[in-house]
Amino acid sequence: MNLGKGIIDICNIRGISQKDLAAKTGLSITFHSLLENNLRNPSMETLDKIAEVLKVPVPIIFWFSLTDSDIKPERLKFYNQYKEKINYLIHNIFI
């Protein structure tokens, strides 16, 4: 799981810079940088703040954070088959 990538992807979709996210969450730019580079693990409270600013439920951050290594090898084909369709639904419902 790559939470940093998930947060960056949603920020890019929303047009929110790291500086804006830091200001709106009340967390430092340094902390966000560490988070986005997977050098820090956020608490659920921090993820709640980030999700609130990004206007998405926390599970959406987790979805965007998934990597192929998070998926069981026997389910990877299924995951890859439906990933784009699920992303399409997420974009239309939440983003």
N, C-alpha and C. Protein backbone atom coordinates (compact mmCIF):
# COMPACT_ATOMS: atom_id res chain seq x y z
N MET A 1 0.86 -1.17 0.00
CA MET A 1 0.00 0.00 0.00
C MET A 1 0.90 1.23 0.00
N ASN A 2 0.53 2.16 -0.83
CA ASN A 2 1.32 3.38 -0.97
C ASN A 2 0.40 4.58 -0.69
N LEU A 3 0.20 4.89 0.60
CA LEU A 3 -0.70 5.98 0.97
C LEU A 3 -0.27 7.31 0.38
N GLY A 4 1.03 7.53 0.31
CA GLY A 4 1.52 8.78 -0.28
C GLY A 4 1.04 8.96 -1.70
N LYS A 5 1.13 7.90 -2.51
CA LYS A 5 0.68 7.97 -3.89
C LYS A 5 -0.83 8.21 -3.95
N GLY A 6 -1.57 7.54 -3.08
CA GLY A 6 -3.02 7.73 -3.06
C GLY A 6 -3.40 9.17 -2.77
N ILE A 7 -2.73 9.77 -1.80
CA ILE A 7 -3.00 11.16 -1.45
C ILE A 7 -2.60 12.09 -2.59
N ILE A 8 -1.44 11.86 -3.16
CA ILE A 8 -0.96 12.68 -4.28
C ILE A 8 -1.93 12.59 -5.45
N ASP A 9 -2.37 11.38 -5.78
CA ASP A 9 -3.29 11.20 -6.92
C ASP A 9 -4.58 11.98 -6.71
N ILE A 10 -5.14 11.91 -5.52
CA ILE A 10 -6.40 12.62 -5.26
C ILE A 10 -6.16 14.13 -5.25
N CYS A 11 -5.05 14.56 -4.68
CA CYS A 11 -4.71 16.00 -4.70
C CYS A 11 -4.60 16.49 -6.14
N ASN A 12 -3.96 15.72 -6.99
CA ASN A 12 -3.82 16.11 -8.40
C ASN A 12 -5.17 16.20 -9.08
N ILE A 13 -6.03 15.25 -8.82
CA ILE A 13 -7.38 15.27 -9.39
C ILE A 13 -8.14 16.50 -8.91
N ARG A 14 -8.01 16.81 -7.63
CA ARG A 14 -8.72 17.94 -7.03
C ARG A 14 -8.04 19.29 -7.29
N GLY A 15 -6.79 19.25 -7.77
CA GLY A 15 -6.06 20.50 -8.01
C GLY A 15 -5.59 21.15 -6.72
N ILE A 16 -5.27 20.33 -5.73
CA ILE A 16 -4.82 20.83 -4.43
C ILE A 16 -3.32 20.58 -4.31
N SER A 17 -2.57 21.62 -4.03
CA SER A 17 -1.12 21.48 -3.87
C SER A 17 -0.80 20.95 -2.48
N GLN A 18 0.42 20.49 -2.31
CA GLN A 18 0.89 20.02 -1.01
C GLN A 18 0.79 21.16 0.01
N LYS A 19 1.14 22.35 -0.42
CA LYS A 19 1.07 23.52 0.47
C LYS A 19 -0.37 23.79 0.90
N ASP A 20 -1.31 23.74 -0.04
CA ASP A 20 -2.72 23.95 0.29
C ASP A 20 -3.25 22.86 1.22
N LEU A 21 -2.87 21.63 0.94
CA LEU A 21 -3.32 20.52 1.79
C LEU A 21 -2.79 20.70 3.20
N ALA A 22 -1.53 21.07 3.32
CA ALA A 22 -0.93 21.29 4.64
C ALA A 22 -1.67 22.41 5.38
N ALA A 23 -1.92 23.50 4.70
CA ALA A 23 -2.60 24.63 5.34
C ALA A 23 -4.01 24.25 5.79
N LYS A 24 -4.72 23.50 4.95
CA LYS A 24 -6.11 23.16 5.26
C LYS A 24 -6.24 22.06 6.31
N THR A 25 -5.22 21.22 6.43
CA THR A 25 -5.27 20.17 7.46
C THR A 25 -4.64 20.62 8.77
N GLY A 26 -3.89 21.72 8.71
CA GLY A 26 -3.20 22.20 9.91
C GLY A 26 -1.94 21.41 10.22
N LEU A 27 -1.48 20.64 9.25
CA LEU A 27 -0.26 19.86 9.40
C LEU A 27 0.85 20.53 8.60
N SER A 28 2.08 20.30 8.97
CA SER A 28 3.19 20.97 8.29
C SER A 28 3.44 20.41 6.89
N ILE A 29 4.02 21.25 6.05
CA ILE A 29 4.42 20.81 4.71
C ILE A 29 5.43 19.67 4.83
N THR A 30 6.32 19.79 5.80
CA THR A 30 7.33 18.73 6.01
C THR A 30 6.65 17.40 6.31
N PHE A 31 5.65 17.43 7.18
CA PHE A 31 4.92 16.19 7.50
C PHE A 31 4.26 15.62 6.25
N HIS A 32 3.62 16.48 5.46
CA HIS A 32 2.96 16.01 4.24
C HIS A 32 3.98 15.44 3.26
N SER A 33 5.14 16.05 3.18
CA SER A 33 6.19 15.55 2.31
C SER A 33 6.62 14.15 2.75
N LEU A 34 6.82 13.98 4.05
CA LEU A 34 7.19 12.67 4.58
C LEU A 34 6.10 11.64 4.33
N LEU A 35 4.86 12.06 4.49
CA LEU A 35 3.72 11.19 4.26
C LEU A 35 3.64 10.78 2.79
N GLU A 36 3.78 11.75 1.90
CA GLU A 36 3.67 11.47 0.47
C GLU A 36 4.84 10.64 -0.05
N ASN A 37 5.95 10.66 0.67
CA ASN A 37 7.10 9.83 0.29
C ASN A 37 7.16 8.53 1.09
N ASN A 38 6.07 8.23 1.79
CA ASN A 38 5.93 7.01 2.59
C ASN A 38 7.01 6.86 3.65
N LEU A 39 7.42 7.98 4.20
CA LEU A 39 8.40 7.96 5.28
C LEU A 39 7.73 8.12 6.65
N ARG A 40 6.43 8.40 6.63
CA ARG A 40 5.61 8.49 7.85
C ARG A 40 4.30 7.78 7.58
N ASN A 41 3.77 7.15 8.61
CA ASN A 41 2.45 6.54 8.53
C ASN A 41 1.47 7.42 9.28
N PRO A 42 0.41 7.84 8.62
CA PRO A 42 -0.54 8.72 9.29
C PRO A 42 -1.44 7.96 10.26
N SER A 43 -1.87 8.65 11.27
CA SER A 43 -2.88 8.08 12.17
C SER A 43 -4.23 8.17 11.47
N MET A 44 -5.22 7.48 12.00
CA MET A 44 -6.56 7.58 11.42
C MET A 44 -7.09 9.00 11.55
N GLU A 45 -6.74 9.67 12.63
CA GLU A 45 -7.16 11.07 12.81
C GLU A 45 -6.59 11.94 11.68
N THR A 46 -5.33 11.72 11.34
CA THR A 46 -4.70 12.48 10.26
C THR A 46 -5.36 12.14 8.92
N LEU A 47 -5.61 10.85 8.69
CA LEU A 47 -6.28 10.46 7.44
C LEU A 47 -7.68 11.07 7.36
N ASP A 48 -8.36 11.14 8.50
CA ASP A 48 -9.69 11.78 8.52
C ASP A 48 -9.59 13.25 8.11
N LYS A 49 -8.58 13.95 8.61
CA LYS A 49 -8.38 15.37 8.25
C LYS A 49 -8.11 15.51 6.75
N ILE A 50 -7.23 14.67 6.25
CA ILE A 50 -6.87 14.73 4.83
C ILE A 50 -8.09 14.41 3.97
N ALA A 51 -8.82 13.36 4.34
CA ALA A 51 -10.02 12.98 3.58
C ALA A 51 -11.06 14.10 3.59
N GLU A 52 -11.19 14.77 4.71
CA GLU A 52 -12.15 15.87 4.81
C GLU A 52 -11.77 16.99 3.84
N VAL A 53 -10.50 17.34 3.80
CA VAL A 53 -10.04 18.40 2.89
C VAL A 53 -10.21 17.96 1.43
N LEU A 54 -9.91 16.69 1.15
CA LEU A 54 -10.01 16.19 -0.22
C LEU A 54 -11.46 15.87 -0.61
N LYS A 55 -12.35 15.91 0.38
CA LYS A 55 -13.78 15.65 0.17
C LYS A 55 -14.04 14.26 -0.39
N VAL A 56 -13.35 13.29 0.22
CA VAL A 56 -13.56 11.88 -0.12
C VAL A 56 -13.59 11.07 1.17
N PRO A 57 -14.28 9.94 1.18
CA PRO A 57 -14.19 9.05 2.34
C PRO A 57 -12.79 8.44 2.42
N VAL A 58 -12.35 8.13 3.62
CA VAL A 58 -11.02 7.54 3.82
C VAL A 58 -10.81 6.29 2.95
N PRO A 59 -11.81 5.40 2.80
CA PRO A 59 -11.57 4.22 1.96
C PRO A 59 -11.17 4.56 0.52
N ILE A 60 -11.56 5.72 0.03
CA ILE A 60 -11.16 6.12 -1.32
C ILE A 60 -9.65 6.37 -1.36
N ILE A 61 -9.12 6.95 -0.29
CA ILE A 61 -7.66 7.13 -0.21
C ILE A 61 -6.98 5.76 -0.24
N PHE A 62 -7.54 4.81 0.52
CA PHE A 62 -6.96 3.47 0.52
C PHE A 62 -7.03 2.83 -0.87
N TRP A 63 -8.14 3.03 -1.57
CA TRP A 63 -8.27 2.46 -2.92
C TRP A 63 -7.17 2.99 -3.84
N PHE A 64 -6.97 4.30 -3.83
CA PHE A 64 -5.95 4.91 -4.68
C PHE A 64 -4.53 4.54 -4.23
N SER A 65 -4.41 4.00 -3.03
CA SER A 65 -3.11 3.63 -2.48
C SER A 65 -2.72 2.18 -2.77
N LEU A 66 -3.66 1.40 -3.28
CA LEU A 66 -3.37 -0.01 -3.55
C LEU A 66 -2.28 -0.16 -4.61
N THR A 67 -1.43 -1.14 -4.40
CA THR A 67 -0.44 -1.53 -5.39
C THR A 67 -0.68 -3.00 -5.73
N ASP A 68 -0.11 -3.45 -6.82
CA ASP A 68 -0.29 -4.85 -7.21
C ASP A 68 0.16 -5.80 -6.11
N SER A 69 1.16 -5.43 -5.34
CA SER A 69 1.66 -6.31 -4.29
C SER A 69 0.67 -6.45 -3.12
N ASP A 70 -0.34 -5.58 -3.07
CA ASP A 70 -1.37 -5.68 -2.04
C ASP A 70 -2.43 -6.73 -2.39
N ILE A 71 -2.46 -7.13 -3.64
CA ILE A 71 -3.47 -8.05 -4.14
C ILE A 71 -2.90 -9.46 -4.18
N LYS A 72 -3.66 -10.42 -3.72
CA LYS A 72 -3.22 -11.81 -3.78
C LYS A 72 -2.96 -12.17 -5.24
N PRO A 73 -1.87 -12.86 -5.52
CA PRO A 73 -1.53 -13.19 -6.91
C PRO A 73 -2.67 -13.85 -7.68
N GLU A 74 -3.43 -14.71 -7.03
CA GLU A 74 -4.53 -15.40 -7.73
C GLU A 74 -5.72 -14.47 -8.02
N ARG A 75 -5.72 -13.28 -7.44
CA ARG A 75 -6.81 -12.32 -7.68
C ARG A 75 -6.35 -11.11 -8.50
N LEU A 76 -5.08 -11.06 -8.84
CA LEU A 76 -4.53 -9.90 -9.55
C LEU A 76 -5.17 -9.70 -10.92
N LYS A 77 -5.42 -10.78 -11.64
CA LYS A 77 -6.06 -10.66 -12.95
C LYS A 77 -7.44 -10.02 -12.82
N PHE A 78 -8.21 -10.46 -11.85
CA PHE A 78 -9.54 -9.91 -11.59
C PHE A 78 -9.44 -8.44 -11.21
N TYR A 79 -8.51 -8.11 -10.31
CA TYR A 79 -8.28 -6.73 -9.89
C TYR A 79 -7.97 -5.84 -11.10
N ASN A 80 -7.03 -6.27 -11.90
CA ASN A 80 -6.64 -5.47 -13.08
C ASN A 80 -7.76 -5.35 -14.09
N GLN A 81 -8.59 -6.37 -14.17
CA GLN A 81 -9.72 -6.35 -15.10
C GLN A 81 -10.74 -5.29 -14.70
N TYR A 82 -10.93 -5.07 -13.42
CA TYR A 82 -11.98 -4.16 -12.95
C TYR A 82 -11.49 -2.84 -12.38
N LYS A 83 -10.18 -2.69 -12.23
CA LYS A 83 -9.63 -1.48 -11.60
C LYS A 83 -10.08 -0.21 -12.32
N GLU A 84 -9.99 -0.16 -13.62
CA GLU A 84 -10.37 1.05 -14.36
C GLU A 84 -11.87 1.34 -14.25
N LYS A 85 -12.67 0.30 -14.24
CA LYS A 85 -14.12 0.49 -14.09
C LYS A 85 -14.45 1.04 -12.70
N ILE A 86 -13.77 0.53 -11.69
CA ILE A 86 -13.98 1.02 -10.34
C ILE A 86 -13.49 2.45 -10.22
N ASN A 87 -12.35 2.76 -10.81
CA ASN A 87 -11.86 4.15 -10.81
C ASN A 87 -12.86 5.08 -11.48
N TYR A 88 -13.45 4.64 -12.57
CA TYR A 88 -14.46 5.44 -13.27
C TYR A 88 -15.64 5.73 -12.34
N LEU A 89 -16.12 4.71 -11.63
CA LEU A 89 -17.22 4.91 -10.70
C LEU A 89 -16.83 5.87 -9.57
N ILE A 90 -15.64 5.68 -9.02
CA ILE A 90 -15.19 6.54 -7.94
C ILE A 90 -15.12 8.00 -8.40
N HIS A 91 -14.58 8.22 -9.58
CA HIS A 91 -14.50 9.59 -10.11
C HIS A 91 -15.88 10.22 -10.26
N ASN A 92 -16.83 9.42 -10.72
CA ASN A 92 -18.17 9.95 -10.96
C ASN A 92 -19.00 10.10 -9.70
N ILE A 93 -18.67 9.36 -8.68
CA ILE A 93 -19.44 9.44 -7.43
C ILE A 93 -18.78 10.37 -6.42
N PHE A 94 -17.46 10.27 -6.25
CA PHE A 94 -16.79 10.98 -5.15
C PHE A 94 -15.93 12.16 -5.58
N ILE A 95 -15.48 12.17 -6.82
CA ILE A 95 -14.50 13.18 -7.19
C ILE A 95 -15.03 14.12 -8.24
